[in-house]
Amino acid sequence: MDRLRMLRERREHSADLDVTPFMNLMIVLVPVLLLSMVFTHMAVIDLDFPAGGADPNKPLDPDKLQLEVQVYHNQLVVADARGGVIRRLKKKGGRHDFEGLSNVMQEIKRRVPKKRDIIILLEADTDYQTLVSVMDSVRAYDATLGAQLVRAELFPVISLGDTPVRSRKRA
């Protein structure tokens, strides 16, 4: 009889599920995942690629500046697509003059402060680091505001394209 009673008690007694360790895991995991999503989003650079098929016979507005930086193996060319070359920056010491490019962009920004977009035109064999350095030079620069060093905006809306065919000849 004792044996039957022990079996019956064993069946009637149910074990409670302890969810405390799982809840502790969720309390730590959820904020970590949310924070990593924010940092991932901040690292993204949105690019606008130029749409082809523009009508060449359409009259252009002379007041609109269409800035572009042409990246060649031996120089950087800052130009207005409608008005021609603004500045040519030859290589210095075997490297592109990114500081000079930043200075030219700052001067243009002073003259047209509402302008936000720029086109970067690349040769087919341009390396990735050169592209990133050009993008960094035209997007923003370090400025001093009072006693603080801040990152001032230049032309953050960047489009990419290929250099003009007629200018691809290497000297």
C-alpha atoms as a PDB file:
ATOM      1  CA  MET A   1       0.000   0.000   0.000  1.00  0.00           C
ATOM      2  CA  ASP A   2       2.865   2.375   0.775  1.00  0.00           C
ATOM      3  CA  ARG A   3       4.262   1.852  -2.617  1.00  0.00           C
ATOM      4  CA  LEU A   4       0.984   2.751  -4.320  1.00  0.00           C
ATOM      5  CA  ARG A   5       0.673   5.885  -2.246  1.00  0.00           C
ATOM      6  CA  MET A   6       4.234   6.986  -3.154  1.00  0.00           C
ATOM      7  CA  LEU A   7       3.518   6.553  -6.863  1.00  0.00           C
ATOM      8  CA  ARG A   8       0.310   8.561  -6.545  1.00  0.00           C
ATOM      9  CA  GLU A   9       2.100  11.380  -4.690  1.00  0.00           C
ATOM     10  CA  ARG A  10       4.837  11.434  -7.279  1.00  0.00           C
ATOM     11  CA  ARG A  11       2.273  11.882 -10.082  1.00  0.00           C
ATOM     12  CA  GLU A  12       0.357  14.619  -8.276  1.00  0.00           C
ATOM     13  CA  HIS A  13       3.444  16.652  -7.434  1.00  0.00           C
ATOM     14  CA  SER A  14       4.343  18.883 -10.392  1.00  0.00           C
ATOM     15  CA  ALA A  15       7.669  20.658 -10.716  1.00  0.00           C
ATOM     16  CA  ASP A  16       7.694  24.449 -11.090  1.00  0.00           C
ATOM     17  CA  LEU A  17       9.581  25.807 -14.078  1.00  0.00           C
ATOM     18  CA  ASP A  18      12.278  28.287 -13.038  1.00  0.00           C
ATOM     19  CA  VAL A  19      12.459  31.022 -15.701  1.00  0.00           C
ATOM     20  CA  THR A  20      14.686  33.394 -13.730  1.00  0.00           C
ATOM     21  CA  PRO A  21      17.918  32.596 -15.652  1.00  0.00           C
ATOM     22  CA  PHE A  22      16.107  33.073 -18.970  1.00  0.00           C
ATOM     23  CA  MET A  23      14.682  36.428 -17.841  1.00  0.00           C
ATOM     24  CA  ASN A  24      18.155  37.548 -16.729  1.00  0.00           C
ATOM     25  CA  LEU A  25      19.496  36.649 -20.167  1.00  0.00           C
ATOM     26  CA  MET A  26      16.761  38.651 -21.909  1.00  0.00           C
ATOM     27  CA  ILE A  27      17.332  41.677 -19.665  1.00  0.00           C
ATOM     28  CA  VAL A  28      20.984  41.774 -20.772  1.00  0.00           C
ATOM     29  CA  LEU A  29      20.561  40.650 -24.380  1.00  0.00           C
ATOM     30  CA  VAL A  30      17.817  43.043 -25.527  1.00  0.00           C
ATOM     31  CA  PRO A  31      19.665  46.310 -24.706  1.00  0.00           C
ATOM     32  CA  VAL A  32      22.908  44.974 -26.210  1.00  0.00           C
ATOM     33  CA  LEU A  33      21.145  44.115 -29.481  1.00  0.00           C
ATOM     34  CA  LEU A  34      19.377  47.475 -29.586  1.00  0.00           C
ATOM     35  CA  LEU A  35      22.634  49.356 -29.045  1.00  0.00           C
ATOM     36  CA  SER A  36      24.420  47.421 -31.775  1.00  0.00           C
ATOM     37  CA  MET A  37      21.632  48.296 -34.225  1.00  0.00           C
ATOM     38  CA  VAL A  38      22.144  52.014 -33.587  1.00  0.00           C
ATOM     39  CA  PHE A  39      25.910  51.810 -34.164  1.00  0.00           C
ATOM     40  CA  THR A  40      25.418  49.826 -37.356  1.00  0.00           C
ATOM     41  CA  HIS A  41      23.001  52.449 -38.676  1.00  0.00           C
ATOM     42  CA  MET A  42      25.424  55.277 -37.914  1.00  0.00           C
ATOM     43  CA  ALA A  43      28.156  53.611 -39.997  1.00  0.00           C
ATOM     44  CA  VAL A  44      26.102  53.608 -43.208  1.00  0.00           C
ATOM     45  CA  ILE A  45      26.774  56.244 -45.861  1.00  0.00           C
ATOM     46  CA  ASP A  46      23.848  56.759 -48.213  1.00  0.00           C
ATOM     47  CA  LEU A  47      24.872  57.261 -51.830  1.00  0.00           C
ATOM     48  CA  ASP A  48      22.770  58.605 -54.681  1.00  0.00           C
ATOM     49  CA  PHE A  49      23.766  57.231 -58.053  1.00  0.00           C
ATOM     50  CA  PRO A  50      23.236  59.539 -61.032  1.00  0.00           C
ATOM     51  CA  ALA A  51      20.271  58.694 -63.212  1.00  0.00           C
ATOM     52  CA  GLY A  52      21.202  58.324 -66.871  1.00  0.00           C
ATOM     53  CA  GLY A  53      19.272  59.548 -69.858  1.00  0.00           C
ATOM     54  CA  ALA A  54      19.219  63.297 -69.186  1.00  0.00           C
ATOM     55  CA  ASP A  55      18.028  65.331 -72.181  1.00  0.00           C
ATOM     56  CA  PRO A  56      21.036  67.232 -73.620  1.00  0.00           C
ATOM     57  CA  ASN A  57      18.757  69.647 -75.544  1.00  0.00           C
ATOM     58  CA  LYS A  58      16.968  70.795 -72.384  1.00  0.00           C
ATOM     59  CA  PRO A  59      18.025  74.339 -71.372  1.00  0.00           C
ATOM     60  CA  LEU A  60      20.189  74.445 -68.232  1.00  0.00           C
ATOM     61  CA  ASP A  61      19.708  76.831 -65.339  1.00  0.00           C
ATOM     62  CA  PRO A  62      22.950  78.870 -65.134  1.00  0.00           C
ATOM     63  CA  ASP A  63      22.402  79.636 -61.427  1.00  0.00           C
ATOM     64  CA  LYS A  64      22.600  75.952 -60.505  1.00  0.00           C
ATOM     65  CA  LEU A  65      26.055  74.719 -59.694  1.00  0.00           C
ATOM     66  CA  GLN A  66      26.670  71.043 -60.483  1.00  0.00           C
ATOM     67  CA  LEU A  67      29.836  70.208 -58.551  1.00  0.00           C
ATOM     68  CA  GLU A  68      31.969  67.236 -59.455  1.00  0.00           C
ATOM     69  CA  VAL A  69      35.345  65.849 -58.449  1.00  0.00           C
ATOM     70  CA  GLN A  70      37.107  63.856 -61.151  1.00  0.00           C
ATOM     71  CA  VAL A  71      39.636  61.378 -59.754  1.00  0.00           C
ATOM     72  CA  TYR A  72      42.517  60.502 -62.092  1.00  0.00           C
ATOM     73  CA  HIS A  73      45.697  58.536 -61.433  1.00  0.00           C
ATOM     74  CA  ASN A  74      47.814  61.741 -61.414  1.00  0.00           C
ATOM     75  CA  GLN A  75      45.421  64.481 -60.286  1.00  0.00           C
ATOM     76  CA  LEU A  76      42.086  65.511 -58.809  1.00  0.00           C
ATOM     77  CA  VAL A  77      39.925  67.908 -60.822  1.00  0.00           C
ATOM     78  CA  VAL A  78      37.233  69.996 -59.138  1.00  0.00           C
ATOM     79  CA  ALA A  79      34.765  71.182 -61.758  1.00  0.00           C
ATOM     80  CA  ASP A  80      31.320  72.504 -62.449  1.00  0.00           C
ATOM     81  CA  ALA A  81      29.732  70.088 -64.927  1.00  0.00           C
ATOM     82  CA  ARG A  82      28.208  73.056 -66.749  1.00  0.00           C
ATOM     83  CA  GLY A  83      30.931  75.679 -66.325  1.00  0.00           C
ATOM     84  CA  GLY A  84      34.207  73.786 -66.593  1.00  0.00           C
ATOM     85  CA  VAL A  85      37.247  73.238 -64.391  1.00  0.00           C
ATOM     86  CA  ILE A  86      37.409  75.121 -61.085  1.00  0.00           C
ATOM     87  CA  ARG A  87      40.744  73.736 -59.808  1.00  0.00           C
ATOM     88  CA  ARG A  88      43.259  71.020 -60.725  1.00  0.00           C
ATOM     89  CA  LEU A  89      45.132  69.414 -57.844  1.00  0.00           C
ATOM     90  CA  LYS A  90      48.274  67.557 -58.935  1.00  0.00           C
ATOM     91  CA  LYS A  91      49.738  64.770 -56.795  1.00  0.00           C
ATOM     92  CA  LYS A  92      52.137  65.857 -54.059  1.00  0.00           C
ATOM     93  CA  GLY A  93      54.891  63.436 -53.103  1.00  0.00           C
ATOM     94  CA  GLY A  94      53.250  60.635 -55.057  1.00  0.00           C
ATOM     95  CA  ARG A  95      49.914  61.027 -53.230  1.00  0.00           C
ATOM     96  CA  HIS A  96      46.673  62.807 -54.084  1.00  0.00           C
ATOM     97  CA  ASP A  97      46.289  66.220 -52.426  1.00  0.00           C
ATOM     98  CA  PHE A  98      43.267  65.492 -50.181  1.00  0.00           C
ATOM     99  CA  GLU A  99      44.046  68.474 -47.931  1.00  0.00           C
ATOM    100  CA  GLY A 100      43.998  70.794 -50.945  1.00  0.00           C
ATOM    101  CA  LEU A 101      40.726  69.184 -52.066  1.00  0.00           C
ATOM    102  CA  SER A 102      39.211  69.863 -48.647  1.00  0.00           C
ATOM    103  CA  ASN A 103      40.357  73.514 -48.813  1.00  0.00           C
ATOM    104  CA  VAL A 104      38.786  73.959 -52.266  1.00  0.00           C
ATOM    105  CA  MET A 105      35.533  72.385 -51.014  1.00  0.00           C
ATOM    106  CA  GLN A 106      35.495  74.734 -48.004  1.00  0.00           C
ATOM    107  CA  GLU A 107      35.901  77.761 -50.273  1.00  0.00           C
ATOM    108  CA  ILE A 108      33.104  76.583 -52.567  1.00  0.00           C
ATOM    109  CA  LYS A 109      30.871  75.941 -49.538  1.00  0.00           C
ATOM    110  CA  ARG A 110      31.465  79.532 -48.346  1.00  0.00           C
ATOM    111  CA  ARG A 111      30.295  80.809 -51.735  1.00  0.00           C
ATOM    112  CA  VAL A 112      27.266  78.491 -52.050  1.00  0.00           C
ATOM    113  CA  PRO A 113      26.262  77.518 -48.488  1.00  0.00           C
ATOM    114  CA  LYS A 114      22.945  75.896 -49.450  1.00  0.00           C
ATOM    115  CA  LYS A 115      24.559  73.435 -51.883  1.00  0.00           C
ATOM    116  CA  ARG A 116      24.670  69.881 -50.426  1.00  0.00           C
ATOM    117  CA  ASP A 117      25.282  67.512 -53.353  1.00  0.00           C
ATOM    118  CA  ILE A 118      28.372  66.580 -55.319  1.00  0.00           C
ATOM    119  CA  ILE A 119      29.323  63.987 -57.940  1.00  0.00           C
ATOM    120  CA  ILE A 120      32.539  61.986 -57.676  1.00  0.00           C
ATOM    121  CA  LEU A 121      33.752  60.624 -61.022  1.00  0.00           C
ATOM    122  CA  LEU A 122      36.310  57.814 -60.922  1.00  0.00           C
ATOM    123  CA  GLU A 123      38.621  56.078 -63.357  1.00  0.00           C
ATOM    124  CA  ALA A 124      37.944  52.352 -63.697  1.00  0.00           C
ATOM    125  CA  ASP A 125      41.135  51.366 -61.840  1.00  0.00           C
ATOM    126  CA  THR A 126      40.748  53.790 -58.894  1.00  0.00           C
ATOM    127  CA  ASP A 127      41.492  51.994 -55.636  1.00  0.00           C
ATOM    128  CA  TYR A 128      38.995  51.864 -52.784  1.00  0.00           C
ATOM    129  CA  GLN A 129      41.117  53.865 -50.307  1.00  0.00           C
ATOM    130  CA  THR A 130      41.344  56.778 -52.756  1.00  0.00           C
ATOM    131  CA  LEU A 131      37.547  56.761 -53.136  1.00  0.00           C
ATOM    132  CA  VAL A 132      37.053  56.778 -49.356  1.00  0.00           C
ATOM    133  CA  SER A 133      39.602  59.590 -48.893  1.00  0.00           C
ATOM    134  CA  VAL A 134      37.925  61.722 -51.577  1.00  0.00           C
ATOM    135  CA  MET A 135      34.504  61.101 -50.009  1.00  0.00           C
ATOM    136  CA  ASP A 136      35.841  62.077 -46.571  1.00  0.00           C
ATOM    137  CA  SER A 137      37.357  65.271 -48.018  1.00  0.00           C
ATOM    138  CA  VAL A 138      34.137  66.429 -49.706  1.00  0.00           C
ATOM    139  CA  ARG A 139      31.653  65.394 -46.965  1.00  0.00           C
ATOM    140  CA  ALA A 140      33.015  67.331 -43.972  1.00  0.00           C
ATOM    141  CA  TYR A 141      36.054  68.978 -42.413  1.00  0.00           C
ATOM    142  CA  ASP A 142      37.380  69.635 -38.900  1.00  0.00           C
ATOM    143  CA  ALA A 143      36.572  73.167 -37.734  1.00  0.00           C
ATOM    144  CA  THR A 144      37.041  75.002 -34.454  1.00  0.00           C
ATOM    145  CA  LEU A 145      33.908  76.388 -32.837  1.00  0.00           C
ATOM    146  CA  GLY A 146      34.885  78.328 -29.744  1.00  0.00           C
ATOM    147  CA  ALA A 147      37.218  75.986 -27.904  1.00  0.00           C
ATOM    148  CA  GLN A 148      35.735  72.818 -29.413  1.00  0.00           C
ATOM    149  CA  LEU A 149      36.798  70.868 -32.455  1.00  0.00           C
ATOM    150  CA  VAL A 150      33.692  69.997 -34.522  1.00  0.00           C
ATOM    151  CA  ARG A 151      33.055  68.234 -37.820  1.00  0.00           C
ATOM    152  CA  ALA A 152      31.546  70.829 -40.202  1.00  0.00           C
ATOM    153  CA  GLU A 153      29.431  69.686 -43.145  1.00  0.00           C
ATOM    154  CA  LEU A 154      30.464  70.374 -46.724  1.00  0.00           C
ATOM    155  CA  PHE A 155      28.701  68.268 -49.375  1.00  0.00           C
ATOM    156  CA  PRO A 156      27.210  65.147 -47.736  1.00  0.00           C
ATOM    157  CA  VAL A 157      24.953  64.026 -50.615  1.00  0.00           C
ATOM    158  CA  ILE A 158      27.371  62.082 -52.823  1.00  0.00           C
ATOM    159  CA  SER A 159      26.777  60.518 -56.224  1.00  0.00           C
ATOM    160  CA  LEU A 160      29.282  58.277 -57.997  1.00  0.00           C
ATOM    161  CA  GLY A 161      30.058  57.894 -61.678  1.00  0.00           C
ATOM    162  CA  ASP A 162      32.802  57.255 -64.237  1.00  0.00           C
ATOM    163  CA  THR A 163      35.207  59.917 -65.484  1.00  0.00           C
ATOM    164  CA  PRO A 164      34.435  61.329 -68.938  1.00  0.00           C
ATOM    165  CA  VAL A 165      35.734  59.120 -71.764  1.00  0.00           C
ATOM    166  CA  ARG A 166      37.678  61.895 -73.473  1.00  0.00           C
ATOM    167  CA  SER A 167      39.684  62.573 -70.273  1.00  0.00           C
ATOM    168  CA  ARG A 168      40.730  58.995 -69.541  1.00  0.00           C
ATOM    169  CA  LYS A 169      43.934  59.179 -71.612  1.00  0.00           C
ATOM    170  CA  ARG A 170      46.968  58.888 -69.359  1.00  0.00           C
ATOM    171  CA  ALA A 171      49.745  61.379 -69.809  1.00  0.00           C
END
